[in-house]
Amino acid sequence: MSDAVAPAVIDLNADLGEGFGRWQLTDDEALLSVVTSANVACGFHAGDPATMRRVCELAVERGVVIGAQVSYRDLAGFGRRAMDVPPGELADEITYQIGALEVFARAAGARVGYVKPHGALYNRCVHDEEQAGAVIEGIRTAGGALPGHALAGSRLHEAARRAGLPVVGEAFADRAYTDEGTLVPRREPGAVLHDPDEVVKRALGMARDRAVTSLDGRRVEITARSLCLHGDTPGAAGLARRVRSELTSAGVRVRSFV
């Protein structure tokens, strides 16, 4: 029996299609040449029909898996404002968003491959069992066994497992972590990393060592199959290319989890 250690494998995902009408935030075409999974905005925090169609077509051309990035209904706040939505209503809104993207994915010759909450909904589902359960119910209604993206150890991660749905642990190379392994809220100093060298270093640590250093300097174990690179970060495409290049050079296999 060989003692060789299997190479690390990581998926690179980015939030795409985050525009509305003439307003465009993300460099979708450039990022789709780097990432292996595309979290496509479904119209509730950003995105419109034309943008959703275009991103799906580009993703299929480049062999990138299409994911539905679902959100609270909050265009004005970009889905980053805390909201209290009744579970039944939230589940229906999740189903609605997935269904909208599925139409464009099928037209492009693909299917929605997974679901990832955005912004305030993502953060809420780390701790809130009821909201996490509503997201899972929405996924089940829309797509049966669609995998969900979730912060490892979150309530959403647990809810997916209880429901028998596949779940993909996710990490963020450009976000600061608490000692408990959760994301530092964006409103706090140091929550978002802007130094490209530091982002690359953290991406390598997450992929190879399964660990990250918290904002307070502690080593935190990370279980992630997918690494998020935020598409709305200035210079996001260039940074994503560098991260992928460094991962590949370090022997990490970059491919989708689907």
C-alpha atoms as a PDB file:
ATOM      1  CA  MET A   1       0.000   0.000   0.000  1.00  0.00           C
ATOM      2  CA  SER A   2       1.352   3.415  -0.945  1.00  0.00           C
ATOM      3  CA  ASP A   3       2.036   5.973   1.771  1.00  0.00           C
ATOM      4  CA  ALA A   4       1.514   8.846  -0.676  1.00  0.00           C
ATOM      5  CA  VAL A   5      -0.901  11.514   0.485  1.00  0.00           C
ATOM      6  CA  ALA A   6      -3.734  12.298  -1.917  1.00  0.00           C
ATOM      7  CA  PRO A   7      -3.495  15.835  -3.299  1.00  0.00           C
ATOM      8  CA  ALA A   8      -5.834  18.445  -1.898  1.00  0.00           C
ATOM      9  CA  VAL A   9      -8.857  19.209  -4.076  1.00  0.00           C
ATOM     10  CA  ILE A  10     -10.723  22.516  -3.944  1.00  0.00           C
ATOM     11  CA  ASP A  11     -13.546  24.189  -5.856  1.00  0.00           C
ATOM     12  CA  LEU A  12     -13.307  27.910  -6.554  1.00  0.00           C
ATOM     13  CA  ASN A  13     -16.607  29.786  -6.524  1.00  0.00           C
ATOM     14  CA  ALA A  14     -17.480  33.434  -7.056  1.00  0.00           C
ATOM     15  CA  ASP A  15     -20.627  35.558  -6.812  1.00  0.00           C
ATOM     16  CA  LEU A  16     -21.610  36.544 -10.349  1.00  0.00           C
ATOM     17  CA  GLY A  17     -24.417  38.287 -12.191  1.00  0.00           C
ATOM     18  CA  GLU A  18     -24.562  40.939  -9.475  1.00  0.00           C
ATOM     19  CA  GLY A  19     -25.967  43.747 -11.558  1.00  0.00           C
ATOM     20  CA  PHE A  20     -29.336  45.200 -12.431  1.00  0.00           C
ATOM     21  CA  GLY A  21     -30.270  46.883 -15.701  1.00  0.00           C
ATOM     22  CA  ARG A  22     -27.379  49.112 -16.777  1.00  0.00           C
ATOM     23  CA  TRP A  23     -25.613  48.729 -13.418  1.00  0.00           C
ATOM     24  CA  GLN A  24     -22.937  46.002 -13.336  1.00  0.00           C
ATOM     25  CA  LEU A  25     -20.859  45.141 -10.287  1.00  0.00           C
ATOM     26  CA  THR A  26     -19.006  41.937 -11.161  1.00  0.00           C
ATOM     27  CA  ASP A  27     -16.633  41.165 -14.061  1.00  0.00           C
ATOM     28  CA  ASP A  28     -18.499  38.013 -14.962  1.00  0.00           C
ATOM     29  CA  GLU A  29     -16.644  37.117 -18.144  1.00  0.00           C
ATOM     30  CA  ALA A  30     -13.183  37.422 -16.577  1.00  0.00           C
ATOM     31  CA  LEU A  31     -14.128  35.504 -13.430  1.00  0.00           C
ATOM     32  CA  LEU A  32     -15.744  32.706 -15.430  1.00  0.00           C
ATOM     33  CA  SER A  33     -12.350  31.998 -16.982  1.00  0.00           C
ATOM     34  CA  VAL A  34     -10.965  31.222 -13.506  1.00  0.00           C
ATOM     35  CA  VAL A  35     -13.620  29.761 -11.197  1.00  0.00           C
ATOM     36  CA  THR A  36     -15.143  26.294 -11.346  1.00  0.00           C
ATOM     37  CA  SER A  37     -18.534  27.234  -9.831  1.00  0.00           C
ATOM     38  CA  ALA A  38     -20.622  30.360 -10.407  1.00  0.00           C
ATOM     39  CA  ASN A  39     -23.007  31.658  -7.729  1.00  0.00           C
ATOM     40  CA  VAL A  40     -25.512  33.477  -9.928  1.00  0.00           C
ATOM     41  CA  ALA A  41     -27.693  36.201  -8.388  1.00  0.00           C
ATOM     42  CA  CYS A  42     -31.364  35.308  -8.859  1.00  0.00           C
ATOM     43  CA  GLY A  43     -32.995  38.739  -8.750  1.00  0.00           C
ATOM     44  CA  PHE A  44     -33.640  39.295  -5.040  1.00  0.00           C
ATOM     45  CA  HIS A  45     -30.369  41.038  -4.061  1.00  0.00           C
ATOM     46  CA  ALA A  46     -29.103  41.636  -7.601  1.00  0.00           C
ATOM     47  CA  GLY A  47     -29.516  40.195 -11.061  1.00  0.00           C
ATOM     48  CA  ASP A  48     -32.158  40.551 -13.752  1.00  0.00           C
ATOM     49  CA  PRO A  49     -33.391  38.173 -16.455  1.00  0.00           C
ATOM     50  CA  ALA A  50     -30.958  39.351 -19.133  1.00  0.00           C
ATOM     51  CA  THR A  51     -28.008  39.116 -16.754  1.00  0.00           C
ATOM     52  CA  MET A  52     -29.029  35.660 -15.548  1.00  0.00           C
ATOM     53  CA  ARG A  53     -29.345  34.408 -19.127  1.00  0.00           C
ATOM     54  CA  ARG A  54     -25.973  35.868 -20.148  1.00  0.00           C
ATOM     55  CA  VAL A  55     -24.076  34.456 -17.165  1.00  0.00           C
ATOM     56  CA  CYS A  56     -25.601  31.003 -17.661  1.00  0.00           C
ATOM     57  CA  GLU A  57     -24.565  30.995 -21.320  1.00  0.00           C
ATOM     58  CA  LEU A  58     -21.014  32.079 -20.479  1.00  0.00           C
ATOM     59  CA  ALA A  59     -20.764  29.503 -17.694  1.00  0.00           C
ATOM     60  CA  VAL A  60     -21.788  26.683 -20.033  1.00  0.00           C
ATOM     61  CA  GLU A  61     -19.282  27.837 -22.662  1.00  0.00           C
ATOM     62  CA  ARG A  62     -16.490  27.651 -20.093  1.00  0.00           C
ATOM     63  CA  GLY A  63     -17.573  24.457 -18.363  1.00  0.00           C
ATOM     64  CA  VAL A  64     -18.400  26.222 -15.088  1.00  0.00           C
ATOM     65  CA  VAL A  65     -21.108  24.778 -12.820  1.00  0.00           C
ATOM     66  CA  ILE A  66     -24.113  27.069 -12.307  1.00  0.00           C
ATOM     67  CA  GLY A  67     -25.317  27.673  -8.756  1.00  0.00           C
ATOM     68  CA  ALA A  68     -28.315  29.679  -7.523  1.00  0.00           C
ATOM     69  CA  GLN A  69     -27.317  32.436  -5.114  1.00  0.00           C
ATOM     70  CA  VAL A  70     -30.517  33.030  -3.172  1.00  0.00           C
ATOM     71  CA  SER A  71     -31.188  35.978  -0.904  1.00  0.00           C
ATOM     72  CA  TYR A  72     -33.659  37.912   1.168  1.00  0.00           C
ATOM     73  CA  ARG A  73     -35.776  40.202  -1.028  1.00  0.00           C
ATOM     74  CA  ASP A  74     -33.519  43.254  -0.652  1.00  0.00           C
ATOM     75  CA  LEU A  75     -32.373  44.933  -3.879  1.00  0.00           C
ATOM     76  CA  ALA A  76     -31.834  48.287  -2.170  1.00  0.00           C
ATOM     77  CA  GLY A  77     -29.577  46.792   0.491  1.00  0.00           C
ATOM     78  CA  PHE A  78     -27.831  44.268  -1.786  1.00  0.00           C
ATOM     79  CA  GLY A  79     -29.160  41.484   0.413  1.00  0.00           C
ATOM     80  CA  ARG A  80     -26.946  42.496   3.313  1.00  0.00           C
ATOM     81  CA  ARG A  81     -29.614  43.906   5.643  1.00  0.00           C
ATOM     82  CA  ALA A  82     -30.979  41.760   8.441  1.00  0.00           C
ATOM     83  CA  MET A  83     -34.596  40.724   7.889  1.00  0.00           C
ATOM     84  CA  ASP A  84     -37.197  38.614   9.688  1.00  0.00           C
ATOM     85  CA  VAL A  85     -39.061  36.601   7.079  1.00  0.00           C
ATOM     86  CA  PRO A  86     -41.616  33.962   8.140  1.00  0.00           C
ATOM     87  CA  PRO A  87     -40.213  30.469   7.417  1.00  0.00           C
ATOM     88  CA  GLY A  88     -42.984  29.472   5.024  1.00  0.00           C
ATOM     89  CA  GLU A  89     -42.623  32.677   3.037  1.00  0.00           C
ATOM     90  CA  LEU A  90     -38.833  32.349   2.952  1.00  0.00           C
ATOM     91  CA  ALA A  91     -39.027  28.743   1.733  1.00  0.00           C
ATOM     92  CA  ASP A  92     -41.303  29.821  -1.130  1.00  0.00           C
ATOM     93  CA  GLU A  93     -38.962  32.673  -2.052  1.00  0.00           C
ATOM     94  CA  ILE A  94     -35.989  30.299  -2.145  1.00  0.00           C
ATOM     95  CA  THR A  95     -37.923  27.954  -4.432  1.00  0.00           C
ATOM     96  CA  TYR A  96     -38.919  30.888  -6.652  1.00  0.00           C
ATOM     97  CA  GLN A  97     -35.341  32.094  -7.087  1.00  0.00           C
ATOM     98  CA  ILE A  98     -33.984  28.639  -7.895  1.00  0.00           C
ATOM     99  CA  GLY A  99     -36.773  28.102 -10.416  1.00  0.00           C
ATOM    100  CA  ALA A 100     -36.057  31.394 -12.156  1.00  0.00           C
ATOM    101  CA  LEU A 101     -32.397  30.536 -12.651  1.00  0.00           C
ATOM    102  CA  GLU A 102     -33.186  26.951 -13.670  1.00  0.00           C
ATOM    103  CA  VAL A 103     -35.098  28.223 -16.715  1.00  0.00           C
ATOM    104  CA  PHE A 104     -32.052  30.121 -17.976  1.00  0.00           C
ATOM    105  CA  ALA A 105     -29.649  27.312 -17.077  1.00  0.00           C
ATOM    106  CA  ARG A 106     -31.716  24.831 -19.097  1.00  0.00           C
ATOM    107  CA  ALA A 107     -31.946  27.229 -22.031  1.00  0.00           C
ATOM    108  CA  ALA A 108     -28.147  27.377 -22.015  1.00  0.00           C
ATOM    109  CA  GLY A 109     -27.898  23.581 -21.982  1.00  0.00           C
ATOM    110  CA  ALA A 110     -27.231  22.975 -18.281  1.00  0.00           C
ATOM    111  CA  ARG A 111     -29.019  22.720 -14.927  1.00  0.00           C
ATOM    112  CA  VAL A 112     -28.678  24.491 -11.596  1.00  0.00           C
ATOM    113  CA  GLY A 113     -26.072  22.423  -9.768  1.00  0.00           C
ATOM    114  CA  TYR A 114     -26.252  23.771  -6.217  1.00  0.00           C
ATOM    115  CA  VAL A 115     -27.677  26.529  -4.008  1.00  0.00           C
ATOM    116  CA  LYS A 116     -25.842  29.123  -1.919  1.00  0.00           C
ATOM    117  CA  PRO A 117     -27.457  31.792   0.287  1.00  0.00           C
ATOM    118  CA  HIS A 118     -26.147  35.333  -0.007  1.00  0.00           C
ATOM    119  CA  GLY A 119     -25.247  38.050   2.456  1.00  0.00           C
ATOM    120  CA  ALA A 120     -27.533  38.469   5.457  1.00  0.00           C
ATOM    121  CA  LEU A 121     -29.320  35.191   4.736  1.00  0.00           C
ATOM    122  CA  TYR A 122     -26.029  33.288   4.650  1.00  0.00           C
ATOM    123  CA  ASN A 123     -24.962  34.818   7.951  1.00  0.00           C
ATOM    124  CA  ARG A 124     -28.371  34.255   9.550  1.00  0.00           C
ATOM    125  CA  CYS A 125     -28.253  30.574   8.614  1.00  0.00           C
ATOM    126  CA  VAL A 126     -25.027  30.125  10.541  1.00  0.00           C
ATOM    127  CA  HIS A 127     -26.899  30.424  13.862  1.00  0.00           C
ATOM    128  CA  ASP A 128     -30.646  30.430  13.135  1.00  0.00           C
ATOM    129  CA  GLU A 129     -32.085  26.916  12.888  1.00  0.00           C
ATOM    130  CA  GLU A 130     -35.525  28.088  11.747  1.00  0.00           C
ATOM    131  CA  GLN A 131     -34.258  30.204   8.844  1.00  0.00           C
ATOM    132  CA  ALA A 132     -31.795  27.481   7.864  1.00  0.00           C
ATOM    133  CA  GLY A 133     -34.628  24.958   7.820  1.00  0.00           C
ATOM    134  CA  ALA A 134     -36.674  27.243   5.585  1.00  0.00           C
ATOM    135  CA  VAL A 135     -33.816  27.477   3.086  1.00  0.00           C
ATOM    136  CA  ILE A 136     -33.517  23.690   3.000  1.00  0.00           C
ATOM    137  CA  GLU A 137     -37.290  23.331   2.531  1.00  0.00           C
ATOM    138  CA  GLY A 138     -37.110  25.756  -0.397  1.00  0.00           C
ATOM    139  CA  ILE A 139     -34.290  23.761  -1.963  1.00  0.00           C
ATOM    140  CA  ARG A 140     -36.195  20.487  -1.576  1.00  0.00           C
ATOM    141  CA  THR A 141     -39.274  21.924  -3.255  1.00  0.00           C
ATOM    142  CA  ALA A 142     -37.286  23.331  -6.152  1.00  0.00           C
ATOM    143  CA  GLY A 143     -34.704  20.711  -6.835  1.00  0.00           C
ATOM    144  CA  GLY A 144     -34.953  17.666  -4.659  1.00  0.00           C
ATOM    145  CA  ALA A 145     -31.380  16.760  -3.798  1.00  0.00           C
ATOM    146  CA  LEU A 146     -29.545  19.904  -4.900  1.00  0.00           C
ATOM    147  CA  PRO A 147     -26.365  20.406  -2.851  1.00  0.00           C
ATOM    148  CA  GLY A 148     -26.208  23.435  -0.573  1.00  0.00           C
ATOM    149  CA  HIS A 149     -23.194  25.643   0.099  1.00  0.00           C
ATOM    150  CA  ALA A 150     -22.751  26.342   3.794  1.00  0.00           C
ATOM    151  CA  LEU A 151     -20.187  27.443   6.321  1.00  0.00           C
ATOM    152  CA  ALA A 152     -18.925  24.247   7.941  1.00  0.00           C
ATOM    153  CA  GLY A 153     -20.620  23.665  11.301  1.00  0.00           C
ATOM    154  CA  SER A 154     -23.428  26.125  10.587  1.00  0.00           C
ATOM    155  CA  ARG A 155     -27.123  25.487  11.234  1.00  0.00           C
ATOM    156  CA  LEU A 156     -27.619  25.316   7.468  1.00  0.00           C
ATOM    157  CA  HIS A 157     -24.958  22.629   7.227  1.00  0.00           C
ATOM    158  CA  GLU A 158     -26.702  20.625   9.964  1.00  0.00           C
ATOM    159  CA  ALA A 159     -30.191  21.163   8.495  1.00  0.00           C
ATOM    160  CA  ALA A 160     -29.067  19.888   5.091  1.00  0.00           C
ATOM    161  CA  ARG A 161     -27.623  16.727   6.613  1.00  0.00           C
ATOM    162  CA  ARG A 162     -30.796  16.070   8.618  1.00  0.00           C
ATOM    163  CA  ALA A 163     -32.846  16.443   5.443  1.00  0.00           C
ATOM    164  CA  GLY A 164     -30.591  14.035   3.567  1.00  0.00           C
ATOM    165  CA  LEU A 165     -29.331  16.724   1.196  1.00  0.00           C
ATOM    166  CA  PRO A 166     -25.713  16.936   0.055  1.00  0.00           C
ATOM    167  CA  VAL A 167     -23.871  19.848   1.644  1.00  0.00           C
ATOM    168  CA  VAL A 168     -20.601  21.498   0.645  1.00  0.00           C
ATOM    169  CA  GLY A 169     -18.432  23.099   3.301  1.00  0.00           C
ATOM    170  CA  GLU A 170     -17.218  26.527   2.244  1.00  0.00           C
ATOM    171  CA  ALA A 171     -14.418  28.869   3.291  1.00  0.00           C
ATOM    172  CA  PHE A 172     -13.549  32.482   2.453  1.00  0.00           C
ATOM    173  CA  ALA A 173      -9.978  33.501   1.652  1.00  0.00           C
ATOM    174  CA  ASP A 174     -10.722  37.230   1.801  1.00  0.00           C
ATOM    175  CA  ARG A 175     -12.716  37.315   5.037  1.00  0.00           C
ATOM    176  CA  ALA A 176     -11.566  37.389   8.666  1.00  0.00           C
ATOM    177  CA  TYR A 177     -12.623  34.564  10.996  1.00  0.00           C
ATOM    178  CA  THR A 178     -13.587  34.499  14.659  1.00  0.00           C
ATOM    179  CA  ASP A 179     -12.109  31.999  17.107  1.00  0.00           C
ATOM    180  CA  GLU A 180     -15.317  29.951  16.683  1.00  0.00           C
ATOM    181  CA  GLY A 181     -14.793  29.571  12.931  1.00  0.00           C
ATOM    182  CA  THR A 182     -17.501  32.028  11.858  1.00  0.00           C
ATOM    183  CA  LEU A 183     -17.020  35.121   9.710  1.00  0.00           C
ATOM    184  CA  VAL A 184     -16.253  38.448  11.367  1.00  0.00           C
ATOM    185  CA  PRO A 185     -19.207  40.787  10.554  1.00  0.00           C
ATOM    186  CA  ARG A 186     -18.437  43.188   7.711  1.00  0.00           C
ATOM    187  CA  ARG A 187     -19.146  46.208   9.911  1.00  0.00           C
ATOM    188  CA  GLU A 188     -16.168  45.376  12.159  1.00  0.00           C
ATOM    189  CA  PRO A 189     -12.587  46.520  11.418  1.00  0.00           C
ATOM    190  CA  GLY A 190     -10.497  43.948   9.600  1.00  0.00           C
ATOM    191  CA  ALA A 191     -13.485  41.886   8.471  1.00  0.00           C
ATOM    192  CA  VAL A 192     -12.453  41.980   4.801  1.00  0.00           C
ATOM    193  CA  LEU A 193      -8.871  41.306   3.676  1.00  0.00           C
ATOM    194  CA  HIS A 194      -7.522  43.552   0.921  1.00  0.00           C
ATOM    195  CA  ASP A 195      -3.861  42.478   0.776  1.00  0.00           C
ATOM    196  CA  PRO A 196      -3.527  40.087  -2.216  1.00  0.00           C
ATOM    197  CA  ASP A 197      -0.522  38.328  -0.665  1.00  0.00           C
ATOM    198  CA  GLU A 198      -2.498  37.595   2.493  1.00  0.00           C
ATOM    199  CA  VAL A 199      -5.514  36.342   0.528  1.00  0.00           C
ATOM    200  CA  VAL A 200      -3.317  33.952  -1.463  1.00  0.00           C
ATOM    201  CA  LYS A 201      -1.579  32.739   1.699  1.00  0.00           C
ATOM    202  CA  ARG A 202      -4.915  32.043   3.394  1.00  0.00           C
ATOM    203  CA  ALA A 203      -6.281  30.259   0.315  1.00  0.00           C
ATOM    204  CA  LEU A 204      -3.287  27.903   0.350  1.00  0.00           C
ATOM    205  CA  GLY A 205      -3.665  27.294   4.087  1.00  0.00           C
ATOM    206  CA  MET A 206      -7.353  26.525   3.749  1.00  0.00           C
ATOM    207  CA  ALA A 207      -6.863  24.140   0.825  1.00  0.00           C
ATOM    208  CA  ARG A 208      -3.760  22.283   2.039  1.00  0.00           C
ATOM    209  CA  ASP A 209      -3.740  22.590   5.824  1.00  0.00           C
ATOM    210  CA  ARG A 210      -7.502  22.891   6.431  1.00  0.00           C
ATOM    211  CA  ALA A 211      -6.895  25.768   8.808  1.00  0.00           C
ATOM    212  CA  VAL A 212      -7.009  29.561   9.080  1.00  0.00           C
ATOM    213  CA  THR A 213      -5.716  32.075  11.600  1.00  0.00           C
ATOM    214  CA  SER A 214      -8.525  33.961  13.342  1.00  0.00           C
ATOM    215  CA  LEU A 215      -8.613  37.730  13.756  1.00  0.00           C
ATOM    216  CA  ASP A 216      -7.310  37.215  17.308  1.00  0.00           C
ATOM    217  CA  GLY A 217      -4.422  35.042  16.142  1.00  0.00           C
ATOM    218  CA  ARG A 218      -5.715  31.558  16.944  1.00  0.00           C
ATOM    219  CA  ARG A 219      -5.496  28.570  14.594  1.00  0.00           C
ATOM    220  CA  VAL A 220      -8.993  27.504  13.520  1.00  0.00           C
ATOM    221  CA  GLU A 221      -9.642  24.189  11.775  1.00  0.00           C
ATOM    222  CA  ILE A 222     -11.512  24.554   8.477  1.00  0.00           C
ATOM    223  CA  THR A 223     -13.365  21.796   6.629  1.00  0.00           C
ATOM    224  CA  ALA A 224     -14.047  23.139   3.151  1.00  0.00           C
ATOM    225  CA  ARG A 225     -14.482  21.661  -0.305  1.00  0.00           C
ATOM    226  CA  SER A 226     -15.126  25.060  -1.898  1.00  0.00           C
ATOM    227  CA  LEU A 227     -13.331  28.380  -1.603  1.00  0.00           C
ATOM    228  CA  CYS A 228     -15.216  31.630  -2.240  1.00  0.00           C
ATOM    229  CA  LEU A 229     -13.592  34.557  -4.045  1.00  0.00           C
ATOM    230  CA  HIS A 230     -15.852  37.604  -3.840  1.00  0.00           C
ATOM    231  CA  GLY A 231     -16.663  39.007  -7.251  1.00  0.00           C
ATOM    232  CA  ASP A 232     -17.372  42.525  -5.953  1.00  0.00           C
ATOM    233  CA  THR A 233     -13.833  43.005  -4.587  1.00  0.00           C
ATOM    234  CA  PRO A 234     -11.765  45.547  -6.585  1.00  0.00           C
ATOM    235  CA  GLY A 235      -9.436  43.614  -8.901  1.00  0.00           C
ATOM    236  CA  ALA A 236     -11.345  40.398  -8.194  1.00  0.00           C
ATOM    237  CA  ALA A 237     -10.542  38.712 -11.517  1.00  0.00           C
ATOM    238  CA  GLY A 238      -6.799  39.302 -11.247  1.00  0.00           C
ATOM    239  CA  LEU A 239      -6.771  38.105  -7.656  1.00  0.00           C
ATOM    240  CA  ALA A 240      -8.765  35.001  -8.585  1.00  0.00           C
ATOM    241  CA  ARG A 241      -6.280  34.152 -11.356  1.00  0.00           C
ATOM    242  CA  ARG A 242      -3.397  34.490  -8.919  1.00  0.00           C
ATOM    243  CA  VAL A 243      -5.112  32.328  -6.296  1.00  0.00           C
ATOM    244  CA  ARG A 244      -5.794  29.574  -8.822  1.00  0.00           C
ATOM    245  CA  SER A 245      -2.239  29.721 -10.172  1.00  0.00           C
ATOM    246  CA  GLU A 246      -0.715  29.488  -6.697  1.00  0.00           C
ATOM    247  CA  LEU A 247      -3.004  26.611  -5.714  1.00  0.00           C
ATOM    248  CA  THR A 248      -2.095  24.678  -8.845  1.00  0.00           C
ATOM    249  CA  SER A 249       1.617  25.331  -8.340  1.00  0.00           C
ATOM    250  CA  ALA A 250       1.302  23.996  -4.783  1.00  0.00           C
ATOM    251  CA  GLY A 251      -0.192  20.734  -6.055  1.00  0.00           C
ATOM    252  CA  VAL A 252      -3.817  21.513  -5.211  1.00  0.00           C
ATOM    253  CA  ARG A 253      -6.318  20.198  -7.758  1.00  0.00           C
ATOM    254  CA  VAL A 254      -8.867  22.876  -8.670  1.00  0.00           C
ATOM    255  CA  ARG A 255     -12.184  21.420  -9.804  1.00  0.00           C
ATOM    256  CA  SER A 256     -15.903  21.644  -9.103  1.00  0.00           C
ATOM    257  CA  PHE A 257     -17.487  19.494  -6.409  1.00  0.00           C
ATOM    258  CA  VAL A 258     -20.382  18.643  -8.764  1.00  0.00           C
END
